[in-house]
Each structure stands twice: as C-alpha cells, then as structure tokens.
Amino acid sequence: MVKLSPFLAKAEDNSGARLLGRAEDRVVQGWRVALSRQFELAGKSGARYRYVAFEEDRFLPPAGANFVIAKLTKDGPTVVYAGETDNLANQTWRTALEKARAAYGDAAILTRLNVTRAVREAERSDLIEQHQPPMNG
C-alpha cells in the first residue's frame, strides 16, 4: 500500500486562511492519484479548520459535513457562504453553490467531514463570525 500526502506549502493571507497543498496528479506504480488542495480556515475563536477542495463528480460519502463556498485566489479562499449538512451525498449544498456561482463567478466548494451536529454548528458559527460571508447575511 502506498501512502501519499500533498506537498505542503505555507502561504497565509490576512483572512487567516492558509493554503496547505495544491491539487495535482501523481503517477505511482502505474496509478494516477489526484492529490486534493487543502486549506486551513481560522474561526473567530482562533481555532483552525482544515477544508479540502471538493470535486463535484467524485463519490460523495453519506456523512455529516461542514462546507464553505469560496472564491479561490492565489492568496487563498475568500468565504462567501458557510454551511453544514447531515448528509453530504444528498447534495443540499448544490443550491447554495449555484447561487454563489451566479453572483461570484467560479466559486468552489470546500468540505470538512464532521460527525456530530453540535460540532458542525459550532464550527459553522465560528467561521461566520470570523469571515462574515455575504451569502449568510
């Protein structure tokens, strides 16, 4: 079994978001492996949450998750919406993503799996307090 990790780079901007890795493909022993982009988003409390760039056409786990919709720039993500769901696979986030793309162009969705509702709601509130996403207003 081959264990791969993204190459880490520390790039931080004033929003408290930090790019941890960049998406790219690697070929390992004949297999093409896509490495996903990871971002750390800081909440108002100072806690940092690691989010992964979401590929919409991949398998979606039927698990609870937090998600943010953001504009991705070279300086990191600018959060335009923060949400949570009991089941990522049911795609309730898709409506918010479509609205964000209509208003902000090429917005992307970033996800973080969280099992309990209480943890998801606390994290979502923490991010909203810090980033003041316009679509949560």
C-alpha atoms as a PDB file:
ATOM      1  CA  MET A   1       0.000   0.000   0.000  1.00  0.00           C
ATOM      2  CA  VAL A   2       1.322   3.397  -0.993  1.00  0.00           C
ATOM      3  CA  LYS A   3       0.542   6.297   1.299  1.00  0.00           C
ATOM      4  CA  LEU A   4       0.614   9.722  -0.330  1.00  0.00           C
ATOM      5  CA  SER A   5       0.346  13.166   1.173  1.00  0.00           C
ATOM      6  CA  PRO A   6       0.096  16.514  -0.593  1.00  0.00           C
ATOM      7  CA  PHE A   7       3.214  18.646  -0.744  1.00  0.00           C
ATOM      8  CA  LEU A   8       2.722  21.312   1.886  1.00  0.00           C
ATOM      9  CA  ALA A   9       3.361  24.986   1.351  1.00  0.00           C
ATOM     10  CA  LYS A  10       2.788  27.738   3.863  1.00  0.00           C
ATOM     11  CA  ALA A  11       1.092  30.675   2.227  1.00  0.00           C
ATOM     12  CA  GLU A  12      -1.007  32.818   4.540  1.00  0.00           C
ATOM     13  CA  ASP A  13      -3.045  35.935   3.957  1.00  0.00           C
ATOM     14  CA  ASN A  14      -4.758  38.392   6.282  1.00  0.00           C
ATOM     15  CA  SER A  15      -8.042  36.448   6.357  1.00  0.00           C
ATOM     16  CA  GLY A  16      -6.480  33.654   8.376  1.00  0.00           C
ATOM     17  CA  ALA A  17      -6.806  31.179   5.502  1.00  0.00           C
ATOM     18  CA  ARG A  18      -3.761  29.122   4.693  1.00  0.00           C
ATOM     19  CA  LEU A  19      -3.175  27.045   1.579  1.00  0.00           C
ATOM     20  CA  LEU A  20      -1.775  23.703   2.657  1.00  0.00           C
ATOM     21  CA  GLY A  21      -1.379  21.859  -0.610  1.00  0.00           C
ATOM     22  CA  ARG A  22      -2.119  22.138  -4.267  1.00  0.00           C
ATOM     23  CA  ALA A  23      -4.169  19.860  -6.462  1.00  0.00           C
ATOM     24  CA  GLU A  24      -2.189  17.870  -8.927  1.00  0.00           C
ATOM     25  CA  ASP A  25      -1.927  14.386 -10.316  1.00  0.00           C
ATOM     26  CA  ARG A  26       0.852  11.976  -9.460  1.00  0.00           C
ATOM     27  CA  VAL A  27       1.643   8.686 -11.129  1.00  0.00           C
ATOM     28  CA  VAL A  28       2.694   5.979  -8.694  1.00  0.00           C
ATOM     29  CA  GLN A  29       3.401   2.452  -9.933  1.00  0.00           C
ATOM     30  CA  GLY A  30       1.063   2.873 -12.904  1.00  0.00           C
ATOM     31  CA  TRP A  31      -1.745   4.505 -10.909  1.00  0.00           C
ATOM     32  CA  ARG A  32      -2.804   8.125 -11.359  1.00  0.00           C
ATOM     33  CA  VAL A  33      -3.536   9.635  -7.972  1.00  0.00           C
ATOM     34  CA  ALA A  34      -5.169  13.044  -7.617  1.00  0.00           C
ATOM     35  CA  LEU A  35      -3.978  14.982  -4.611  1.00  0.00           C
ATOM     36  CA  SER A  36      -6.501  17.453  -3.317  1.00  0.00           C
ATOM     37  CA  ARG A  37      -5.984  21.025  -2.243  1.00  0.00           C
ATOM     38  CA  GLN A  38      -6.293  21.635   1.462  1.00  0.00           C
ATOM     39  CA  PHE A  39      -6.998  24.943   3.164  1.00  0.00           C
ATOM     40  CA  GLU A  40      -6.984  25.976   6.799  1.00  0.00           C
ATOM     41  CA  LEU A  41      -9.686  28.460   7.704  1.00  0.00           C
ATOM     42  CA  ALA A  42      -9.480  30.290  11.013  1.00  0.00           C
ATOM     43  CA  GLY A  43     -12.583  30.887  13.084  1.00  0.00           C
ATOM     44  CA  LYS A  44     -13.244  33.882  15.345  1.00  0.00           C
ATOM     45  CA  SER A  45     -12.206  31.716  18.317  1.00  0.00           C
ATOM     46  CA  GLY A  46      -8.740  31.223  16.827  1.00  0.00           C
ATOM     47  CA  ALA A  47      -9.448  27.567  16.028  1.00  0.00           C
ATOM     48  CA  ARG A  48      -8.264  26.428  12.602  1.00  0.00           C
ATOM     49  CA  TYR A  49     -10.296  24.069  10.467  1.00  0.00           C
ATOM     50  CA  ARG A  50      -8.830  22.081   7.579  1.00  0.00           C
ATOM     51  CA  TYR A  51     -11.025  22.007   4.454  1.00  0.00           C
ATOM     52  CA  VAL A  52     -10.492  20.071   1.247  1.00  0.00           C
ATOM     53  CA  ALA A  53     -11.304  21.304  -2.260  1.00  0.00           C
ATOM     54  CA  PHE A  54     -14.307  19.290  -3.385  1.00  0.00           C
ATOM     55  CA  GLU A  55     -14.550  17.540  -6.725  1.00  0.00           C
ATOM     56  CA  GLU A  56     -18.262  17.551  -7.572  1.00  0.00           C
ATOM     57  CA  ASP A  57     -18.164  14.457  -9.784  1.00  0.00           C
ATOM     58  CA  ARG A  58     -16.498  12.144  -7.261  1.00  0.00           C
ATOM     59  CA  PHE A  59     -18.185   9.738  -4.845  1.00  0.00           C
ATOM     60  CA  LEU A  60     -19.932  11.623  -2.061  1.00  0.00           C
ATOM     61  CA  PRO A  61     -19.939   9.977   1.365  1.00  0.00           C
ATOM     62  CA  PRO A  62     -23.308   9.884   3.148  1.00  0.00           C
ATOM     63  CA  ALA A  63     -21.787  11.631   6.153  1.00  0.00           C
ATOM     64  CA  GLY A  64     -22.288  14.860   8.032  1.00  0.00           C
ATOM     65  CA  ALA A  65     -20.039  17.675   6.888  1.00  0.00           C
ATOM     66  CA  ASN A  66     -19.358  21.369   7.030  1.00  0.00           C
ATOM     67  CA  PHE A  67     -18.817  23.151   3.755  1.00  0.00           C
ATOM     68  CA  VAL A  68     -17.785  26.588   2.639  1.00  0.00           C
ATOM     69  CA  ILE A  69     -18.268  28.139  -0.736  1.00  0.00           C
ATOM     70  CA  ALA A  70     -15.367  30.384  -1.605  1.00  0.00           C
ATOM     71  CA  LYS A  71     -13.648  32.326  -4.321  1.00  0.00           C
ATOM     72  CA  LEU A  72     -10.192  30.786  -4.655  1.00  0.00           C
ATOM     73  CA  THR A  73      -7.358  33.151  -5.410  1.00  0.00           C
ATOM     74  CA  LYS A  74      -3.579  32.912  -5.246  1.00  0.00           C
ATOM     75  CA  ASP A  75      -3.859  34.428  -1.746  1.00  0.00           C
ATOM     76  CA  GLY A  76      -6.272  31.723  -0.575  1.00  0.00           C
ATOM     77  CA  PRO A  77     -10.033  31.359  -0.249  1.00  0.00           C
ATOM     78  CA  THR A  78     -12.492  34.192   0.334  1.00  0.00           C
ATOM     79  CA  VAL A  79     -15.524  32.643   2.053  1.00  0.00           C
ATOM     80  CA  VAL A  80     -18.883  33.681   0.545  1.00  0.00           C
ATOM     81  CA  TYR A  81     -21.042  31.066   2.335  1.00  0.00           C
ATOM     82  CA  ALA A  82     -20.630  28.658   5.253  1.00  0.00           C
ATOM     83  CA  GLY A  83     -23.000  25.724   5.677  1.00  0.00           C
ATOM     84  CA  GLU A  84     -23.424  22.286   7.175  1.00  0.00           C
ATOM     85  CA  THR A  85     -25.303  19.137   6.219  1.00  0.00           C
ATOM     86  CA  ASP A  86     -26.280  15.827   7.814  1.00  0.00           C
ATOM     87  CA  ASN A  87     -25.566  14.013   4.549  1.00  0.00           C
ATOM     88  CA  LEU A  88     -23.056  15.297   2.011  1.00  0.00           C
ATOM     89  CA  ALA A  89     -24.312  12.801  -0.584  1.00  0.00           C
ATOM     90  CA  ASN A  90     -27.836  14.283  -0.707  1.00  0.00           C
ATOM     91  CA  GLN A  91     -26.307  17.430  -2.274  1.00  0.00           C
ATOM     92  CA  THR A  92     -28.372  20.034  -0.405  1.00  0.00           C
ATOM     93  CA  TRP A  93     -25.303  22.279  -0.798  1.00  0.00           C
ATOM     94  CA  ARG A  94     -25.759  22.393  -4.589  1.00  0.00           C
ATOM     95  CA  THR A  95     -28.406  25.185  -4.494  1.00  0.00           C
ATOM     96  CA  ALA A  96     -26.108  27.460  -2.478  1.00  0.00           C
ATOM     97  CA  LEU A  97     -23.216  26.671  -4.838  1.00  0.00           C
ATOM     98  CA  GLU A  98     -25.298  27.571  -7.906  1.00  0.00           C
ATOM     99  CA  LYS A  99     -26.355  30.885  -6.290  1.00  0.00           C
ATOM    100  CA  ALA A 100     -22.733  31.656  -5.405  1.00  0.00           C
ATOM    101  CA  ARG A 101     -21.572  30.924  -8.953  1.00  0.00           C
ATOM    102  CA  ALA A 102     -24.292  33.188 -10.352  1.00  0.00           C
ATOM    103  CA  ALA A 103     -23.180  36.017  -8.059  1.00  0.00           C
ATOM    104  CA  TYR A 104     -19.414  35.426  -7.766  1.00  0.00           C
ATOM    105  CA  GLY A 105     -18.391  33.533 -10.903  1.00  0.00           C
ATOM    106  CA  ASP A 106     -16.207  30.494 -10.409  1.00  0.00           C
ATOM    107  CA  ALA A 107     -16.884  29.849  -6.717  1.00  0.00           C
ATOM    108  CA  ALA A 108     -15.688  26.495  -5.369  1.00  0.00           C
ATOM    109  CA  ILE A 109     -16.912  24.273  -2.579  1.00  0.00           C
ATOM    110  CA  LEU A 110     -14.612  23.149   0.232  1.00  0.00           C
ATOM    111  CA  THR A 111     -15.658  20.410   2.659  1.00  0.00           C
ATOM    112  CA  ARG A 112     -14.779  19.065   6.091  1.00  0.00           C
ATOM    113  CA  LEU A 113     -16.330  15.853   7.423  1.00  0.00           C
ATOM    114  CA  ASN A 114     -17.798  16.207  10.929  1.00  0.00           C
ATOM    115  CA  VAL A 115     -19.878  13.524  12.566  1.00  0.00           C
ATOM    116  CA  THR A 116     -21.925  15.346  15.190  1.00  0.00           C
ATOM    117  CA  ARG A 117     -24.375  18.140  14.529  1.00  0.00           C
ATOM    118  CA  ALA A 118     -23.232  20.117  17.586  1.00  0.00           C
ATOM    119  CA  VAL A 119     -19.635  20.201  16.306  1.00  0.00           C
ATOM    120  CA  ARG A 120     -20.765  21.179  12.799  1.00  0.00           C
ATOM    121  CA  GLU A 121     -22.968  24.013  14.070  1.00  0.00           C
ATOM    122  CA  ALA A 122     -20.293  25.396  16.403  1.00  0.00           C
ATOM    123  CA  GLU A 123     -17.680  25.348  13.631  1.00  0.00           C
ATOM    124  CA  ARG A 124     -20.062  26.979  11.149  1.00  0.00           C
ATOM    125  CA  SER A 125     -20.875  29.775  13.635  1.00  0.00           C
ATOM    126  CA  ASP A 126     -17.183  30.298  14.389  1.00  0.00           C
ATOM    127  CA  LEU A 127     -16.384  30.672  10.669  1.00  0.00           C
ATOM    128  CA  ILE A 128     -19.341  33.006  10.042  1.00  0.00           C
ATOM    129  CA  GLU A 129     -18.245  35.280  12.917  1.00  0.00           C
ATOM    130  CA  GLN A 130     -14.710  35.483  11.506  1.00  0.00           C
ATOM    131  CA  HIS A 131     -15.342  35.727   7.762  1.00  0.00           C
ATOM    132  CA  GLN A 132     -18.771  37.419   7.607  1.00  0.00           C
ATOM    133  CA  PRO A 133     -19.740  35.584   4.365  1.00  0.00           C
ATOM    134  CA  PRO A 134     -22.145  37.737   2.333  1.00  0.00           C
ATOM    135  CA  MET A 135     -24.479  34.843   1.481  1.00  0.00           C
ATOM    136  CA  ASN A 136     -25.004  34.040   5.198  1.00  0.00           C
ATOM    137  CA  GLY A 137     -26.319  37.562   5.903  1.00  0.00           C
END
